Amino acid sequence: MKVKLVKIGNSIGVRLPKSVLDECGFKTEADLSVRQKTVVLKPVAAVRAQWRQKMKEDIDQRPIIRQGEWIW
């Protein structure tokens, strides 16, 4: 897909079609990197995304300590 480059002040911008934004999950920010002269844009995951799931996995992997078994 070809897109036009748009002058924005001293910079150049790219307009992404809504279908691309929706498909990639872009919201208000993107992670931009350059690899071998190729621009790569990735959606930024929320800082706390999947915390609940990871905490649940951690709890499931902990040994079960019954009352009275804990030694200080």
PDB file of N, CA and C in Angstrom:
ATOM      1  N   MET A   1       0.840  -1.160   0.000  1.00  0.00           N
ATOM      2  CA  MET A   1       0.000   0.000   0.000  1.00  0.00           C
ATOM      3  C   MET A   1       0.895   1.235   0.000  1.00  0.00           C
ATOM      4  N   LYS A   2       0.643   2.142  -0.890  1.00  0.00           N
ATOM      5  CA  LYS A   2       1.390   3.389  -0.935  1.00  0.00           C
ATOM      6  C   LYS A   2       0.665   4.431  -0.103  1.00  0.00           C
ATOM      7  N   VAL A   3       1.445   5.229   0.636  1.00  0.00           N
ATOM      8  CA  VAL A   3       0.891   6.342   1.395  1.00  0.00           C
ATOM      9  C   VAL A   3       1.714   7.584   1.082  1.00  0.00           C
ATOM     10  N   LYS A   4       1.091   8.729   1.198  1.00  0.00           N
ATOM     11  CA  LYS A   4       1.788   9.985   0.933  1.00  0.00           C
ATOM     12  C   LYS A   4       2.467  10.482   2.199  1.00  0.00           C
ATOM     13  N   LEU A   5       3.628  11.100   2.011  1.00  0.00           N
ATOM     14  CA  LEU A   5       4.330  11.752   3.104  1.00  0.00           C
ATOM     15  C   LEU A   5       3.801  13.170   3.206  1.00  0.00           C
ATOM     16  N   VAL A   6       3.541  13.621   4.425  1.00  0.00           N
ATOM     17  CA  VAL A   6       2.925  14.920   4.663  1.00  0.00           C
ATOM     18  C   VAL A   6       3.880  15.781   5.485  1.00  0.00           C
ATOM     19  N   LYS A   7       4.142  17.003   5.042  1.00  0.00           N
ATOM     20  CA  LYS A   7       5.017  17.904   5.788  1.00  0.00           C
ATOM     21  C   LYS A   7       4.271  18.428   7.013  1.00  0.00           C
ATOM     22  N   ILE A   8       4.910  18.275   8.175  1.00  0.00           N
ATOM     23  CA  ILE A   8       4.354  18.759   9.446  1.00  0.00           C
ATOM     24  C   ILE A   8       5.461  19.560  10.123  1.00  0.00           C
ATOM     25  N   GLY A   9       5.433  20.879   9.991  1.00  0.00           N
ATOM     26  CA  GLY A   9       6.506  21.702  10.531  1.00  0.00           C
ATOM     27  C   GLY A   9       7.818  21.353   9.856  1.00  0.00           C
ATOM     28  N   ASN A  10       8.842  21.040  10.652  1.00  0.00           N
ATOM     29  CA  ASN A  10      10.136  20.632  10.106  1.00  0.00           C
ATOM     30  C   ASN A  10      10.222  19.120   9.895  1.00  0.00           C
ATOM     31  N   SER A  11       9.147  18.417  10.157  1.00  0.00           N
ATOM     32  CA  SER A  11       9.139  16.956  10.058  1.00  0.00           C
ATOM     33  C   SER A  11       8.276  16.497   8.901  1.00  0.00           C
ATOM     34  N   ILE A  12       8.277  15.216   8.687  1.00  0.00           N
ATOM     35  CA  ILE A  12       7.435  14.572   7.682  1.00  0.00           C
ATOM     36  C   ILE A  12       6.597  13.530   8.403  1.00  0.00           C
ATOM     37  N   GLY A  13       5.316  13.469   8.085  1.00  0.00           N
ATOM     38  CA  GLY A  13       4.428  12.497   8.710  1.00  0.00           C
ATOM     39  C   GLY A  13       3.841  11.555   7.685  1.00  0.00           C
ATOM     40  N   VAL A  14       3.263  10.492   8.173  1.00  0.00           N
ATOM     41  CA  VAL A  14       2.586   9.511   7.331  1.00  0.00           C
ATOM     42  C   VAL A  14       1.179   9.341   7.884  1.00  0.00           C
ATOM     43  N   ARG A  15       0.192   9.410   7.033  1.00  0.00           N
ATOM     44  CA  ARG A  15      -1.190   9.153   7.460  1.00  0.00           C
ATOM     45  C   ARG A  15      -1.474   7.668   7.268  1.00  0.00           C
ATOM     46  N   LEU A  16      -1.899   7.055   8.351  1.00  0.00           N
ATOM     47  CA  LEU A  16      -2.233   5.631   8.290  1.00  0.00           C
ATOM     48  C   LEU A  16      -3.741   5.482   8.143  1.00  0.00           C
ATOM     49  N   PRO A  17      -4.178   4.662   7.210  1.00  0.00           N
ATOM     50  CA  PRO A  17      -5.619   4.440   7.050  1.00  0.00           C
ATOM     51  C   PRO A  17      -6.223   3.814   8.310  1.00  0.00           C
ATOM     52  N   LYS A  18      -7.491   4.114   8.564  1.00  0.00           N
ATOM     53  CA  LYS A  18      -8.184   3.596   9.742  1.00  0.00           C
ATOM     54  C   LYS A  18      -8.133   2.072   9.792  1.00  0.00           C
ATOM     55  N   SER A  19      -8.230   1.429   8.644  1.00  0.00           N
ATOM     56  CA  SER A  19      -8.185  -0.041   8.619  1.00  0.00           C
ATOM     57  C   SER A  19      -6.857  -0.563   9.165  1.00  0.00           C
ATOM     58  N   VAL A  20      -5.760   0.137   8.871  1.00  0.00           N
ATOM     59  CA  VAL A  20      -4.441  -0.265   9.382  1.00  0.00           C
ATOM     60  C   VAL A  20      -4.381  -0.024  10.891  1.00  0.00           C
ATOM     61  N   LEU A  21      -4.887   1.130  11.338  1.00  0.00           N
ATOM     62  CA  LEU A  21      -4.897   1.434  12.769  1.00  0.00           C
ATOM     63  C   LEU A  21      -5.680   0.377  13.544  1.00  0.00           C
ATOM     64  N   ASP A  22      -6.838   0.010  13.024  1.00  0.00           N
ATOM     65  CA  ASP A  22      -7.677  -0.994  13.692  1.00  0.00           C
ATOM     66  C   ASP A  22      -7.015  -2.367  13.688  1.00  0.00           C
ATOM     67  N   GLU A  23      -6.471  -2.756  12.545  1.00  0.00           N
ATOM     68  CA  GLU A  23      -5.865  -4.089  12.427  1.00  0.00           C
ATOM     69  C   GLU A  23      -4.653  -4.243  13.340  1.00  0.00           C
ATOM     70  N   CYS A  24      -3.857  -3.180  13.481  1.00  0.00           N
ATOM     71  CA  CYS A  24      -2.644  -3.252  14.295  1.00  0.00           C
ATOM     72  C   CYS A  24      -2.885  -2.922  15.761  1.00  0.00           C
ATOM     73  N   GLY A  25      -4.041  -2.346  16.061  1.00  0.00           N
ATOM     74  CA  GLY A  25      -4.351  -2.028  17.447  1.00  0.00           C
ATOM     75  C   GLY A  25      -3.720  -0.739  17.936  1.00  0.00           C
ATOM     76  N   PHE A  26      -3.432   0.197  17.031  1.00  0.00           N
ATOM     77  CA  PHE A  26      -2.870   1.478  17.443  1.00  0.00           C
ATOM     78  C   PHE A  26      -3.933   2.302  18.152  1.00  0.00           C
ATOM     79  N   LYS A  27      -3.537   2.970  19.237  1.00  0.00           N
ATOM     80  CA  LYS A  27      -4.453   3.843  19.976  1.00  0.00           C
ATOM     81  C   LYS A  27      -3.924   5.266  19.889  1.00  0.00           C
ATOM     82  N   THR A  28      -3.100   5.689  20.860  1.00  0.00           N
ATOM     83  CA  THR A  28      -2.587   7.055  20.868  1.00  0.00           C
ATOM     84  C   THR A  28      -1.080   7.125  20.715  1.00  0.00           C
ATOM     85  N   GLU A  29      -0.396   5.994  20.867  1.00  0.00           N
ATOM     86  CA  GLU A  29       1.061   5.963  20.749  1.00  0.00           C
ATOM     87  C   GLU A  29       1.487   4.744  19.947  1.00  0.00           C
ATOM     88  N   ALA A  30       2.707   4.823  19.413  1.00  0.00           N
ATOM     89  CA  ALA A  30       3.290   3.692  18.695  1.00  0.00           C
ATOM     90  C   ALA A  30       4.769   3.627  19.036  1.00  0.00           C
ATOM     91  N   ASP A  31       5.325   2.434  18.985  1.00  0.00           N
ATOM     92  CA  ASP A  31       6.760   2.226  19.196  1.00  0.00           C
ATOM     93  C   ASP A  31       7.400   2.200  17.821  1.00  0.00           C
ATOM     94  N   LEU A  32       8.307   3.142  17.544  1.00  0.00           N
ATOM     95  CA  LEU A  32       8.939   3.256  16.243  1.00  0.00           C
ATOM     96  C   LEU A  32      10.391   2.820  16.339  1.00  0.00           C
ATOM     97  N   SER A  33      10.829   2.004  15.394  1.00  0.00           N
ATOM     98  CA  SER A  33      12.235   1.614  15.318  1.00  0.00           C
ATOM     99  C   SER A  33      12.631   1.522  13.849  1.00  0.00           C
ATOM    100  N   VAL A  34      13.935   1.520  13.605  1.00  0.00           N
ATOM    101  CA  VAL A  34      14.452   1.399  12.248  1.00  0.00           C
ATOM    102  C   VAL A  34      15.355   0.178  12.205  1.00  0.00           C
ATOM    103  N   ARG A  35      15.079  -0.713  11.278  1.00  0.00           N
ATOM    104  CA  ARG A  35      15.875  -1.930  11.110  1.00  0.00           C
ATOM    105  C   ARG A  35      16.252  -2.072   9.649  1.00  0.00           C
ATOM    106  N   GLN A  36      17.520  -2.005   9.376  1.00  0.00           N
ATOM    107  CA  GLN A  36      18.035  -2.150   8.014  1.00  0.00           C
ATOM    108  C   GLN A  36      17.288  -1.238   7.040  1.00  0.00           C
ATOM    109  N   LYS A  37      17.243   0.048   7.385  1.00  0.00           N
ATOM    110  CA  LYS A  37      16.598   1.082   6.567  1.00  0.00           C
ATOM    111  C   LYS A  37      15.104   0.849   6.361  1.00  0.00           C
ATOM    112  N   THR A  38      14.471   0.127   7.292  1.00  0.00           N
ATOM    113  CA  THR A  38      13.035  -0.110   7.245  1.00  0.00           C
ATOM    114  C   THR A  38      12.416   0.427   8.530  1.00  0.00           C
ATOM    115  N   VAL A  39      11.389   1.249   8.396  1.00  0.00           N
ATOM    116  CA  VAL A  39      10.695   1.797   9.564  1.00  0.00           C
ATOM    117  C   VAL A  39       9.687   0.762  10.061  1.00  0.00           C
ATOM    118  N   VAL A  40       9.733   0.482  11.364  1.00  0.00           N
ATOM    119  CA  VAL A  40       8.838  -0.498  11.969  1.00  0.00           C
ATOM    120  C   VAL A  40       8.011   0.215  13.032  1.00  0.00           C
ATOM    121  N   LEU A  41       6.697   0.130  12.922  1.00  0.00           N
ATOM    122  CA  LEU A  41       5.784   0.700  13.915  1.00  0.00           C
ATOM    123  C   LEU A  41       5.053  -0.438  14.615  1.00  0.00           C
ATOM    124  N   LYS A  42       5.056  -0.401  15.959  1.00  0.00           N
ATOM    125  CA  LYS A  42       4.324  -1.406  16.726  1.00  0.00           C
ATOM    126  C   LYS A  42       3.444  -0.690  17.732  1.00  0.00           C
ATOM    127  N   PRO A  43       2.263  -1.241  18.010  1.00  0.00           N
ATOM    128  CA  PRO A  43       1.431  -0.611  19.035  1.00  0.00           C
ATOM    129  C   PRO A  43       2.105  -0.718  20.398  1.00  0.00           C
ATOM    130  N   VAL A  44       1.904   0.290  21.212  1.00  0.00           N
ATOM    131  CA  VAL A  44       2.468   0.301  22.559  1.00  0.00           C
ATOM    132  C   VAL A  44       1.485  -0.405  23.477  1.00  0.00           C
ATOM    133  N   ALA A  45       1.968  -1.438  24.132  1.00  0.00           N
ATOM    134  CA  ALA A  45       1.112  -2.166  25.071  1.00  0.00           C
ATOM    135  C   ALA A  45       0.995  -1.355  26.351  1.00  0.00           C
ATOM    136  N   ALA A  46      -0.150  -1.398  26.964  1.00  0.00           N
ATOM    137  CA  ALA A  46      -0.340  -0.711  28.233  1.00  0.00           C
ATOM    138  C   ALA A  46       0.641  -1.287  29.250  1.00  0.00           C
ATOM    139  N   VAL A  47       1.164  -0.429  30.106  1.00  0.00           N
ATOM    140  CA  VAL A  47       2.171  -0.849  31.083  1.00  0.00           C
ATOM    141  C   VAL A  47       1.668  -1.999  31.943  1.00  0.00           C
ATOM    142  N   ARG A  48       0.401  -1.955  32.307  1.00  0.00           N
ATOM    143  CA  ARG A  48      -0.149  -2.973  33.199  1.00  0.00           C
ATOM    144  C   ARG A  48      -0.917  -4.052  32.456  1.00  0.00           C
ATOM    145  N   ALA A  49      -0.768  -4.102  31.141  1.00  0.00           N
ATOM    146  CA  ALA A  49      -1.476  -5.117  30.374  1.00  0.00           C
ATOM    147  C   ALA A  49      -1.040  -6.503  30.830  1.00  0.00           C
ATOM    148  N   GLN A  50      -1.954  -7.354  31.035  1.00  0.00           N
ATOM    149  CA  GLN A  50      -1.747  -8.763  31.388  1.00  0.00           C
ATOM    150  C   GLN A  50      -1.165  -8.963  32.777  1.00  0.00           C
ATOM    151  N   TRP A  51      -1.143  -7.929  33.629  1.00  0.00           N
ATOM    152  CA  TRP A  51      -0.659  -8.110  34.997  1.00  0.00           C
ATOM    153  C   TRP A  51      -1.516  -9.117  35.740  1.00  0.00           C
ATOM    154  N   ARG A  52      -2.820  -9.001  35.596  1.00  0.00           N
ATOM    155  CA  ARG A  52      -3.721  -9.895  36.316  1.00  0.00           C
ATOM    156  C   ARG A  52      -3.429 -11.354  35.945  1.00  0.00           C
ATOM    157  N   GLN A  53      -3.255 -11.629  34.661  1.00  0.00           N
ATOM    158  CA  GLN A  53      -2.979 -12.993  34.210  1.00  0.00           C
ATOM    159  C   GLN A  53      -1.638 -13.480  34.741  1.00  0.00           C
ATOM    160  N   LYS A  54      -0.612 -12.622  34.706  1.00  0.00           N
ATOM    161  CA  LYS A  54       0.710 -13.022  35.190  1.00  0.00           C
ATOM    162  C   LYS A  54       0.701 -13.267  36.698  1.00  0.00           C
ATOM    163  N   MET A  55      -0.035 -12.442  37.431  1.00  0.00           N
ATOM    164  CA  MET A  55      -0.133 -12.649  38.872  1.00  0.00           C
ATOM    165  C   MET A  55      -0.842 -13.968  39.172  1.00  0.00           C
ATOM    166  N   LYS A  56      -1.891 -14.272  38.415  1.00  0.00           N
ATOM    167  CA  LYS A  56      -2.614 -15.522  38.606  1.00  0.00           C
ATOM    168  C   LYS A  56      -1.690 -16.714  38.353  1.00  0.00           C
ATOM    169  N   GLU A  57      -0.871 -16.625  37.297  1.00  0.00           N
ATOM    170  CA  GLU A  57       0.072 -17.708  36.996  1.00  0.00           C
ATOM    171  C   GLU A  57       1.088 -17.867  38.123  1.00  0.00           C
ATOM    172  N   ASP A  58       1.579 -16.737  38.668  1.00  0.00           N
ATOM    173  CA  ASP A  58       2.535 -16.796  39.772  1.00  0.00           C
ATOM    174  C   ASP A  58       1.910 -17.444  40.994  1.00  0.00           C
ATOM    175  N   ILE A  59       0.671 -17.073  41.301  1.00  0.00           N
ATOM    176  CA  ILE A  59      -0.016 -17.643  42.462  1.00  0.00           C
ATOM    177  C   ILE A  59      -0.228 -19.139  42.260  1.00  0.00           C
ATOM    178  N   ASP A  60      -0.570 -19.545  41.045  1.00  0.00           N
ATOM    179  CA  ASP A  60      -0.793 -20.957  40.765  1.00  0.00           C
ATOM    180  C   ASP A  60       0.485 -21.775  40.905  1.00  0.00           C
ATOM    181  N   GLN A  61       1.656 -21.145  40.746  1.00  0.00           N
ATOM    182  CA  GLN A  61       2.919 -21.871  40.807  1.00  0.00           C
ATOM    183  C   GLN A  61       3.538 -21.890  42.199  1.00  0.00           C
ATOM    184  N   ARG A  62       3.003 -21.111  43.133  1.00  0.00           N
ATOM    185  CA  ARG A  62       3.542 -21.086  44.496  1.00  0.00           C
ATOM    186  C   ARG A  62       3.175 -22.353  45.242  1.00  0.00           C
ATOM    187  N   PRO A  63       4.060 -22.814  46.107  1.00  0.00           N
ATOM    188  CA  PRO A  63       3.704 -23.969  46.927  1.00  0.00           C
ATOM    189  C   PRO A  63       2.612 -23.583  47.921  1.00  0.00           C
ATOM    190  N   ILE A  64       1.767 -24.517  48.220  1.00  0.00           N
ATOM    191  CA  ILE A  64       0.688 -24.261  49.170  1.00  0.00           C
ATOM    192  C   ILE A  64       1.232 -24.472  50.578  1.00  0.00           C
ATOM    193  N   ILE A  65       1.084 -23.446  51.422  1.00  0.00           N
ATOM    194  CA  ILE A  65       1.534 -23.526  52.821  1.00  0.00           C
ATOM    195  C   ILE A  65       0.284 -23.521  53.686  1.00  0.00           C
ATOM    196  N   ARG A  66       0.101 -24.610  54.408  1.00  0.00           N
ATOM    197  CA  ARG A  66      -1.075 -24.708  55.273  1.00  0.00           C
ATOM    198  C   ARG A  66      -0.810 -24.016  56.603  1.00  0.00           C
ATOM    199  N   GLN A  67      -1.875 -23.648  57.271  1.00  0.00           N
ATOM    200  CA  GLN A  67      -1.751 -22.942  58.545  1.00  0.00           C
ATOM    201  C   GLN A  67      -0.941 -23.789  59.519  1.00  0.00           C
ATOM    202  N   GLY A  68       0.025 -23.157  60.178  1.00  0.00           N
ATOM    203  CA  GLY A  68       0.873 -23.850  61.143  1.00  0.00           C
ATOM    204  C   GLY A  68       2.140 -24.412  60.556  1.00  0.00           C
ATOM    205  N   GLU A  69       2.293 -24.427  59.224  1.00  0.00           N
ATOM    206  CA  GLU A  69       3.490 -24.987  58.614  1.00  0.00           C
ATOM    207  C   GLU A  69       4.585 -23.947  58.406  1.00  0.00           C
ATOM    208  N   TRP A  70       4.211 -22.658  58.524  1.00  0.00           N
ATOM    209  CA  TRP A  70       5.179 -21.601  58.268  1.00  0.00           C
ATOM    210  C   TRP A  70       6.119 -21.478  59.466  1.00  0.00           C
ATOM    211  N   ILE A  71       7.422 -21.466  59.202  1.00  0.00           N
ATOM    212  CA  ILE A  71       8.431 -21.342  60.279  1.00  0.00           C
ATOM    213  C   ILE A  71       9.212 -20.059  60.045  1.00  0.00           C
ATOM    214  N   TRP A  72       9.285 -19.220  61.089  1.00  0.00           N
ATOM    215  CA  TRP A  72      10.027 -17.960  60.983  1.00  0.00           C
ATOM    216  C   TRP A  72      11.439 -18.143  61.405  1.00  0.00           C
TER     217      TRP A  72
END
